[in-house]
C-alpha atoms as a PDB file:
ATOM      1  CA  MET A   1      78.148 161.676   4.821  1.00  0.00           C
ATOM      2  CA  LYS A   2      77.157 161.608   8.373  1.00  0.00           C
ATOM      3  CA  LYS A   3      74.733 158.709   7.915  1.00  0.00           C
ATOM      4  CA  GLN A   4      77.186 156.810   6.103  1.00  0.00           C
ATOM      5  CA  LEU A   5      79.945 157.193   8.807  1.00  0.00           C
ATOM      6  CA  LEU A   6      77.074 156.030  11.419  1.00  0.00           C
ATOM      7  CA  LEU A   7      76.234 152.840   9.357  1.00  0.00           C
ATOM      8  CA  PHE A   8      79.980 152.035   9.099  1.00  0.00           C
ATOM      9  CA  GLY A   9      80.337 152.520  12.564  1.00  0.00           C
ATOM     10  CA  VAL A  10      77.333 150.212  13.433  1.00  0.00           C
ATOM     11  CA  VAL A  11      78.507 147.617  10.997  1.00  0.00           C
ATOM     12  CA  VAL A  12      81.999 147.644  12.477  1.00  0.00           C
ATOM     13  CA  PHE A  13      80.596 147.368  15.953  1.00  0.00           C
ATOM     14  CA  THR A  14      78.057 144.430  15.131  1.00  0.00           C
ATOM     15  CA  PHE A  15      80.847 142.499  13.367  1.00  0.00           C
ATOM     16  CA  ASN A  16      83.545 143.027  16.185  1.00  0.00           C
ATOM     17  CA  SER A  17      81.044 142.100  18.570  1.00  0.00           C
ATOM     18  CA  CYS A  18      80.104 138.551  16.938  1.00  0.00           C
ATOM     19  CA  ILE A  19      83.739 137.541  16.867  1.00  0.00           C
ATOM     20  CA  GLN A  20      85.109 135.688  19.731  1.00  0.00           C
ATOM     21  CA  THR A  21      88.361 136.887  20.800  1.00  0.00           C
ATOM     22  CA  ARG A  22      90.662 133.785  21.720  1.00  0.00           C
ATOM     23  CA  TYR A  23      93.757 133.996  23.912  1.00  0.00           C
ATOM     24  CA  ILE A  24      94.079 130.479  25.105  1.00  0.00           C
ATOM     25  CA  THR A  25      97.905 130.512  25.163  1.00  0.00           C
ATOM     26  CA  GLU A  26      97.803 133.601  27.437  1.00  0.00           C
ATOM     27  CA  ARG A  27      96.029 132.072  30.233  1.00  0.00           C
ATOM     28  CA  ILE A  28      98.647 129.550  30.557  1.00  0.00           C
ATOM     29  CA  ILE A  29     101.601 132.099  30.388  1.00  0.00           C
ATOM     30  CA  LYS A  30     100.009 134.264  32.560  1.00  0.00           C
ATOM     31  CA  ASN A  31      98.963 132.023  35.213  1.00  0.00           C
ATOM     32  CA  SER A  32     101.368 128.897  34.905  1.00  0.00           C
ATOM     33  CA  ILE A  33     104.645 130.731  33.820  1.00  0.00           C
ATOM     34  CA  GLU A  34     104.561 134.044  35.133  1.00  0.00           C
ATOM     35  CA  THR A  35     104.893 133.938  38.953  1.00  0.00           C
ATOM     36  CA  HIS A  36     102.778 136.573  40.882  1.00  0.00           C
ATOM     37  CA  THR A  37     103.533 137.613  44.534  1.00  0.00           C
ATOM     38  CA  PRO A  38     101.234 139.678  46.548  1.00  0.00           C
ATOM     39  CA  GLY A  39     102.681 143.282  47.005  1.00  0.00           C
ATOM     40  CA  GLU A  40     105.251 142.782  44.162  1.00  0.00           C
ATOM     41  CA  PHE A  41     105.359 143.541  40.448  1.00  0.00           C
ATOM     42  CA  SER A  42     106.195 141.254  37.507  1.00  0.00           C
ATOM     43  CA  THR A  43     106.673 141.619  34.007  1.00  0.00           C
ATOM     44  CA  ILE A  44     106.985 139.158  30.954  1.00  0.00           C
ATOM     45  CA  ARG A  45     107.084 139.574  27.268  1.00  0.00           C
ATOM     46  CA  THR A  46     104.716 137.718  24.868  1.00  0.00           C
ATOM     47  CA  PHE A  47     104.609 137.276  21.034  1.00  0.00           C
ATOM     48  CA  SER A  48     101.784 136.264  19.145  1.00  0.00           C
ATOM     49  CA  ILE A  49     103.215 134.041  16.235  1.00  0.00           C
ATOM     50  CA  TYR A  50     100.310 132.259  14.625  1.00  0.00           C
ATOM     51  CA  LYS A  51      96.556 131.661  15.086  1.00  0.00           C
ATOM     52  CA  LEU A  52      94.182 129.406  12.811  1.00  0.00           C
ATOM     53  CA  THR A  53      91.023 127.660  12.648  1.00  0.00           C
ATOM     54  CA  ASP A  54      91.390 124.640  10.609  1.00  0.00           C
ATOM     55  CA  THR A  55      89.046 122.814   8.430  1.00  0.00           C
ATOM     56  CA  ASP A  56      87.892 120.475  11.221  1.00  0.00           C
ATOM     57  CA  LYS A  57      86.801 123.667  13.244  1.00  0.00           C
ATOM     58  CA  ARG A  58      89.781 123.349  15.515  1.00  0.00           C
ATOM     59  CA  TYR A  59      91.543 126.415  16.565  1.00  0.00           C
ATOM     60  CA  ILE A  60      95.375 126.285  17.238  1.00  0.00           C
ATOM     61  CA  GLU A  61      97.681 129.188  18.603  1.00  0.00           C
ATOM     62  CA  PHE A  62     101.494 129.651  18.900  1.00  0.00           C
ATOM     63  CA  THR A  63     102.551 132.208  21.605  1.00  0.00           C
ATOM     64  CA  GLY A  64     106.232 132.969  22.453  1.00  0.00           C
ATOM     65  CA  TYR A  65     107.600 134.422  25.662  1.00  0.00           C
ATOM     66  CA  LYS A  66     110.430 135.938  27.392  1.00  0.00           C
ATOM     67  CA  TYR A  67     110.293 135.727  30.985  1.00  0.00           C
ATOM     68  CA  LYS A  68     113.247 136.233  33.673  1.00  0.00           C
ATOM     69  CA  ASP A  69     116.064 134.553  31.665  1.00  0.00           C
ATOM     70  CA  LYS A  70     114.055 131.960  29.706  1.00  0.00           C
ATOM     71  CA  LYS A  71     112.445 131.974  26.348  1.00  0.00           C
ATOM     72  CA  GLY A  72     109.505 129.497  25.419  1.00  0.00           C
ATOM     73  CA  LYS A  73     106.610 128.721  23.389  1.00  0.00           C
ATOM     74  CA  VAL A  74     103.062 127.840  24.303  1.00  0.00           C
ATOM     75  CA  ILE A  75     101.098 125.813  21.616  1.00  0.00           C
ATOM     76  CA  GLY A  76      97.312 125.969  22.589  1.00  0.00           C
ATOM     77  CA  GLY A  77      94.347 124.162  20.895  1.00  0.00           C
ATOM     78  CA  ASP A  78      90.637 123.869  21.076  1.00  0.00           C
ATOM     79  CA  ARG A  79      87.882 122.004  19.824  1.00  0.00           C
ATOM     80  CA  THR A  80      84.384 122.785  20.003  1.00  0.00           C
ATOM     81  CA  TYR A  81      81.453 120.181  20.262  1.00  0.00           C
ATOM     82  CA  ARG A  82      77.920 120.449  20.032  1.00  0.00           C
ATOM     83  CA  VAL A  83      75.792 118.682  22.562  1.00  0.00           C
ATOM     84  CA  GLN A  84      72.567 116.956  21.804  1.00  0.00           C
ATOM     85  CA  LYS A  85      69.608 119.781  22.027  1.00  0.00           C
ATOM     86  CA  ASN A  86      67.411 119.487  25.119  1.00  0.00           C
ATOM     87  CA  PHE A  87      65.091 122.030  23.646  1.00  0.00           C
ATOM     88  CA  LYS A  88      64.544 123.775  20.278  1.00  0.00           C
ATOM     89  CA  GLU A  89      66.604 126.635  20.738  1.00  0.00           C
ATOM     90  CA  ASP A  90      69.528 124.813  22.817  1.00  0.00           C
ATOM     91  CA  ASN A  91      72.805 125.837  21.196  1.00  0.00           C
ATOM     92  CA  THR A  92      75.016 124.561  23.936  1.00  0.00           C
ATOM     93  CA  ARG A  93      78.868 123.870  22.969  1.00  0.00           C
ATOM     94  CA  ILE A  94      81.413 122.323  24.817  1.00  0.00           C
ATOM     95  CA  VAL A  95      85.050 123.720  24.220  1.00  0.00           C
ATOM     96  CA  GLU A  96      88.035 121.569  25.494  1.00  0.00           C
ATOM     97  CA  SER A  97      91.475 122.947  25.295  1.00  0.00           C
ATOM     98  CA  ASP A  98      94.871 121.330  25.078  1.00  0.00           C
ATOM     99  CA  TYR A  99      98.240 123.100  26.083  1.00  0.00           C
ATOM    100  CA  VAL A 100     101.893 122.357  25.479  1.00  0.00           C
ATOM    101  CA  HIS A 101     104.895 124.328  26.716  1.00  0.00           C
ATOM    102  CA  LEU A 102     108.233 124.178  24.644  1.00  0.00           C
ATOM    103  CA  THR A 103     111.610 125.341  25.258  1.00  0.00           C
ATOM    104  CA  GLU A 104     113.801 127.235  22.870  1.00  0.00           C
ATOM    105  CA  ASN A 105     115.897 124.183  22.292  1.00  0.00           C
ATOM    106  CA  GLN A 106     112.573 121.953  21.693  1.00  0.00           C
ATOM    107  CA  CYS A 107     111.583 124.453  19.034  1.00  0.00           C
ATOM    108  CA  ALA A 108     114.754 124.417  17.146  1.00  0.00           C
ATOM    109  CA  GLU A 109     114.638 120.650  17.307  1.00  0.00           C
ATOM    110  CA  MET A 110     111.353 120.704  15.951  1.00  0.00           C
ATOM    111  CA  LEU A 111     112.415 122.931  13.200  1.00  0.00           C
ATOM    112  CA  ASN A 112     115.351 121.045  11.915  1.00  0.00           C
ATOM    113  CA  ASN A 113     113.450 117.617  12.420  1.00  0.00           C
ATOM    114  CA  TYR A 114     110.728 118.945  10.430  1.00  0.00           C
ATOM    115  CA  ARG A 115     112.675 119.514   7.597  1.00  0.00           C
ATOM    116  CA  ILE A 116     113.942 115.963   7.885  1.00  0.00           C
ATOM    117  CA  LEU A 117     110.316 114.725   7.957  1.00  0.00           C
ATOM    118  CA  GLN A 118     109.684 116.556   4.870  1.00  0.00           C
ATOM    119  CA  GLU A 119     112.619 115.243   2.851  1.00  0.00           C
ATOM    120  CA  LYS A 120     111.715 111.688   3.914  1.00  0.00           C
ATOM    121  CA  ILE A 121     107.843 112.212   2.745  1.00  0.00           C
ATOM    122  CA  SER A 122     109.147 113.604  -0.541  1.00  0.00           C
ATOM    123  CA  ARG A 123     111.428 110.674  -1.076  1.00  0.00           C
ATOM    124  CA  GLU A 124     108.395 108.166  -0.352  1.00  0.00           C
ATOM    125  CA  LYS A 125     107.017 106.633  -3.392  1.00  0.00           C
ATOM    126  CA  LYS A 126     103.401 107.076  -4.207  1.00  0.00           C
ATOM    127  CA  SER A 127     101.055 105.674  -1.837  1.00  0.00           C
ATOM    128  CA  LYS A 128      98.825 102.972  -2.948  1.00  0.00           C
ATOM    129  CA  MET A 129      95.032 103.329  -2.993  1.00  0.00           C
ATOM    130  CA  ASN A 130      93.519 104.046   0.443  1.00  0.00           C
ATOM    131  CA  GLU A 131      97.132 104.024   1.904  1.00  0.00           C
ATOM    132  CA  GLU A 132      98.504 106.777   3.981  1.00  0.00           C
ATOM    133  CA  ILE A 133     102.399 107.001   5.064  1.00  0.00           C
ATOM    134  CA  TYR A 134     103.107 108.984   8.306  1.00  0.00           C
ATOM    135  CA  TYR A 135     106.454 110.313   9.369  1.00  0.00           C
ATOM    136  CA  ASP A 136     106.569 111.794  12.903  1.00  0.00           C
ATOM    137  CA  PHE A 137     108.911 113.391  15.247  1.00  0.00           C
ATOM    138  CA  THR A 138     108.476 113.574  19.188  1.00  0.00           C
ATOM    139  CA  VAL A 139     109.034 116.779  20.465  1.00  0.00           C
ATOM    140  CA  SER A 140     107.932 116.019  24.079  1.00  0.00           C
ATOM    141  CA  ASP A 141     106.088 113.682  26.134  1.00  0.00           C
ATOM    142  CA  ASP A 142     102.624 115.514  25.192  1.00  0.00           C
ATOM    143  CA  CYS A 143     103.736 116.790  21.566  1.00  0.00           C
ATOM    144  CA  PHE A 144     104.580 115.325  18.312  1.00  0.00           C
ATOM    145  CA  ILE A 145     104.619 116.322  14.545  1.00  0.00           C
ATOM    146  CA  SER A 146     103.331 114.404  12.017  1.00  0.00           C
ATOM    147  CA  VAL A 147     103.393 114.655   8.270  1.00  0.00           C
ATOM    148  CA  ARG A 148     101.669 112.281   5.884  1.00  0.00           C
ATOM    149  CA  LYS A 149     101.431 111.108   2.001  1.00  0.00           C
ATOM    150  CA  TYR A 150      98.407 109.785   0.580  1.00  0.00           C
ATOM    151  CA  THR A 151      97.366 109.350  -3.143  1.00  0.00           C
ATOM    152  CA  THR A 152      95.037 112.623  -3.339  1.00  0.00           C
ATOM    153  CA  ALA A 153      97.022 115.112  -1.484  1.00  0.00           C
ATOM    154  CA  SER A 154      98.331 117.989  -3.409  1.00  0.00           C
ATOM    155  CA  THR A 155      99.200 120.021  -0.173  1.00  0.00           C
ATOM    156  CA  TYR A 156     101.409 118.898   2.700  1.00  0.00           C
ATOM    157  CA  TYR A 157      99.496 119.567   5.879  1.00  0.00           C
ATOM    158  CA  THR A 158     101.380 118.993   9.414  1.00  0.00           C
ATOM    159  CA  ASN A 159      99.452 117.449  12.045  1.00  0.00           C
ATOM    160  CA  ILE A 160     100.498 118.562  15.613  1.00  0.00           C
ATOM    161  CA  TRP A 161      99.304 116.209  18.063  1.00  0.00           C
ATOM    162  CA  LEU A 162      98.715 117.844  21.625  1.00  0.00           C
ATOM    163  CA  LYS A 163      98.175 115.598  24.517  1.00  0.00           C
ATOM    164  CA  GLY A 164      96.646 112.986  22.072  1.00  0.00           C
ATOM    165  CA  GLU A 165      94.372 115.354  19.859  1.00  0.00           C
ATOM    166  CA  LYS A 166      95.435 116.444  16.439  1.00  0.00           C
ATOM    167  CA  TYR A 167      95.434 119.949  14.962  1.00  0.00           C
ATOM    168  CA  ARG A 168      96.415 120.757  11.398  1.00  0.00           C
ATOM    169  CA  VAL A 169      98.617 123.368  10.085  1.00  0.00           C
ATOM    170  CA  VAL A 170      99.956 124.158   6.638  1.00  0.00           C
ATOM    171  CA  GLY A 171     103.484 122.986   6.284  1.00  0.00           C
ATOM    172  CA  THR A 172     104.732 126.393   5.187  1.00  0.00           C
ATOM    173  CA  ASP A 173     103.165 128.050   8.158  1.00  0.00           C
ATOM    174  CA  MET A 174     104.750 125.581  10.480  1.00  0.00           C
ATOM    175  CA  VAL A 175     108.240 126.491   9.175  1.00  0.00           C
ATOM    176  CA  LYS A 176     107.598 130.240   9.175  1.00  0.00           C
ATOM    177  CA  SER A 177     106.113 130.110  12.712  1.00  0.00           C
ATOM    178  CA  LEU A 178     109.124 128.163  14.086  1.00  0.00           C
ATOM    179  CA  GLU A 179     111.653 130.479  12.379  1.00  0.00           C
ATOM    180  CA  LYS A 180     109.451 133.514  13.647  1.00  0.00           C
ATOM    181  CA  PHE A 181     109.806 132.049  17.044  1.00  0.00           C
ATOM    182  CA  LEU A 182     113.504 131.486  17.098  1.00  0.00           C
ATOM    183  CA  LYS A 183     114.288 135.005  15.967  1.00  0.00           C
ATOM    184  CA  TYR A 184     112.363 136.660  18.632  1.00  0.00           C
END
């Protein structure tokens, strides 16, 4: 029994040490939204809403926060690139991140208009071969959401564009995450 417990502990430790913990939105919230003054205390509440690595190996994270009298949401995404190997064991990767800060009102608009996008795309006739039909809603200068219809699609994905980079989320997850944030 002790050997099994020890083996289980080693497996759990090994598995956990191989997984990279990501808190990409926390960095923005703690350093750009919350203010820190030497000799003073501060407090902020954060709420992890959504984390996903999509099929394109891009990671996206939604985190809500309450700070002073404000409530907001930070959407962060990162993407990883492998660089050309300089030597046989070279596994160098470059990670780039994008962040968007949204107000509570922008999130409510995003949810309401996402539902309108869904209605519009569902009324759209079947697309032609190799044709894609897009409907977009602009949330801010750095963020818009996009739904598309194409001949082989069976699931509606939502593309969230952060500062010109595309991150993909399942449509139902988009709605749930926005509702979750607004209830927070």
